[in-house]
Amino acid sequence: MKKGEGSLTSLSEHLADFARQRDWEQFHSPKNLSMALIAEAAELVEHFQWITEEQSLNIDDEKKDKVALELADILIYLLRTAERLDIDVIEAAWRKIEINEKRFPIEKVHGDARRASEYDKN
């Protein structure tokens, strides 16, 4: 398979093989993987800390490459966590989108970004 091709399933399978070949499954508990995921998310945030919204939309190629690698780390740990727990993240994402469409109906939230509980107060 060429770089950039395939599905989340094939990527997840490759990651599981990678871990098994290195005898890392013993370290890849959902607890450890989720902790690694949040650490990588924090590293992503560091690239945007202290810059404006506009600057965050217009990062240079060097920073974009660094951001891409942080996003890759996040995806890797997310897929490994899902695989270890036998969770289909695509199905879960569609389910969550359906929930959010009900929680945030267009006519109620259009152009307004508050927490769901804050809409109920009006």
Protein backbone atom coordinates (compact mmCIF):
# COMPACT_ATOMS: atom_id res chain seq x y z
CA MET A 1 0.00 0.00 0.00
CA LYS A 2 1.26 3.47 -0.85
CA LYS A 3 1.71 6.17 1.75
CA GLY A 4 -1.56 8.02 2.29
CA GLU A 5 -3.73 5.21 0.96
CA GLY A 6 -6.02 2.81 2.73
CA SER A 7 -8.64 2.89 5.41
CA LEU A 8 -8.66 3.43 9.13
CA THR A 9 -9.10 -0.32 9.44
CA SER A 10 -5.93 -1.08 7.48
CA LEU A 11 -4.04 1.60 9.40
CA SER A 12 -5.25 0.17 12.71
CA GLU A 13 -4.23 -3.33 11.66
CA HIS A 14 -0.77 -2.08 10.66
CA LEU A 15 -0.37 -0.31 14.01
CA ALA A 16 -1.38 -3.47 15.89
CA ASP A 17 1.16 -5.49 13.89
CA PHE A 18 3.82 -2.85 14.56
CA ALA A 19 3.18 -3.10 18.31
CA ARG A 20 3.04 -6.91 18.33
CA GLN A 21 6.31 -7.24 16.40
CA ARG A 22 8.01 -5.10 19.03
CA ASP A 23 6.29 -6.82 21.98
CA TRP A 24 4.64 -3.53 22.95
CA GLU A 25 1.11 -4.86 23.43
CA GLN A 26 2.00 -5.32 27.09
CA PHE A 27 2.36 -1.53 27.36
CA HIS A 28 -0.61 -0.62 25.18
CA SER A 29 -3.40 -0.76 27.72
CA PRO A 30 -6.32 1.60 27.20
CA LYS A 31 -5.10 3.54 30.25
CA ASN A 32 -1.59 4.04 28.87
CA LEU A 33 -2.76 4.73 25.33
CA SER A 34 -5.29 7.33 26.46
CA MET A 35 -2.62 9.04 28.56
CA ALA A 36 -0.28 9.11 25.55
CA LEU A 37 -3.11 10.49 23.41
CA ILE A 38 -3.73 13.43 25.74
CA ALA A 39 0.00 14.16 25.92
CA GLU A 40 0.12 14.32 22.12
CA ALA A 41 -2.96 16.57 22.08
CA ALA A 42 -1.13 18.92 24.44
CA GLU A 43 1.82 18.96 22.05
CA LEU A 44 -0.57 19.93 19.25
CA VAL A 45 -1.93 22.81 21.34
CA GLU A 46 1.59 24.13 21.92
CA HIS A 47 1.86 24.96 18.20
CA PHE A 48 -1.11 27.32 18.48
CA GLN A 49 -0.56 28.75 21.93
CA TRP A 50 -0.10 32.52 21.96
CA ILE A 51 -0.95 33.09 18.31
CA THR A 52 -4.09 34.71 16.97
CA GLU A 53 -7.03 32.94 15.32
CA GLU A 54 -5.89 34.39 11.99
CA GLN A 55 -2.31 33.21 12.47
CA SER A 56 -3.56 29.73 13.35
CA LEU A 57 -5.31 29.58 9.96
CA ASN A 58 -2.16 30.63 8.11
CA ILE A 59 0.73 28.64 9.55
CA ASP A 60 3.86 28.23 7.43
CA ASP A 61 4.84 24.94 5.82
CA GLU A 62 7.36 24.03 8.53
CA LYS A 63 4.81 24.47 11.31
CA LYS A 64 2.14 22.72 9.23
CA ASP A 65 4.42 19.69 8.92
CA LYS A 66 4.97 19.64 12.69
CA VAL A 67 1.21 19.94 13.27
CA ALA A 68 0.60 17.10 10.80
CA LEU A 69 2.93 14.83 12.77
CA GLU A 70 1.21 15.70 16.05
CA LEU A 71 -2.16 14.93 14.46
CA ALA A 72 -0.71 11.64 13.26
CA ASP A 73 0.41 10.78 16.80
CA ILE A 74 -3.08 11.57 18.09
CA LEU A 75 -4.69 9.41 15.41
CA ILE A 76 -2.28 6.56 16.11
CA TYR A 77 -3.03 6.52 19.84
CA LEU A 78 -6.76 6.94 19.18
CA LEU A 79 -6.82 3.96 16.82
CA ARG A 80 -4.72 1.82 19.15
CA THR A 81 -7.06 2.60 22.06
CA ALA A 82 -10.10 1.75 19.96
CA GLU A 83 -8.50 -1.47 18.73
CA ARG A 84 -7.59 -2.57 22.25
CA LEU A 85 -11.20 -1.97 23.39
CA ASP A 86 -12.77 -3.39 20.21
CA ILE A 87 -14.53 -0.10 19.41
CA ASP A 88 -15.41 0.83 15.85
CA VAL A 89 -14.50 4.54 15.89
CA ILE A 90 -16.26 5.24 12.59
CA GLU A 91 -19.53 3.80 13.92
CA ALA A 92 -19.01 5.66 17.22
CA ALA A 93 -18.36 8.93 15.38
CA TRP A 94 -21.56 8.59 13.32
CA ARG A 95 -23.48 7.80 16.50
CA LYS A 96 -22.01 10.88 18.21
CA ILE A 97 -22.83 13.08 15.20
CA GLU A 98 -26.45 11.89 15.42
CA ILE A 99 -26.52 12.78 19.13
CA ASN A 100 -25.01 16.21 18.45
CA GLU A 101 -27.48 16.94 15.67
CA LYS A 102 -30.27 16.44 18.22
CA ARG A 103 -28.50 18.37 21.00
CA PHE A 104 -27.63 21.29 18.72
CA PRO A 105 -30.50 21.84 16.26
CA ILE A 106 -29.62 24.41 13.59
CA GLU A 107 -32.55 26.68 14.41
CA LYS A 108 -31.43 26.88 18.04
CA VAL A 109 -27.65 27.21 17.72
CA HIS A 110 -26.88 28.79 14.34
CA GLY A 111 -23.99 31.22 14.79
CA ASP A 112 -23.89 30.69 18.57
CA ALA A 113 -21.19 28.52 20.18
CA ARG A 114 -22.18 27.67 23.74
CA ARG A 115 -22.21 24.45 25.71
CA ALA A 116 -25.39 22.38 25.26
CA SER A 117 -26.46 22.97 28.87
CA GLU A 118 -26.30 26.74 28.35
CA TYR A 119 -28.96 26.64 25.62
CA ASP A 120 -31.46 25.13 28.03
CA LYS A 121 -31.22 28.19 30.29
CA ASN A 122 -32.95 30.42 27.72
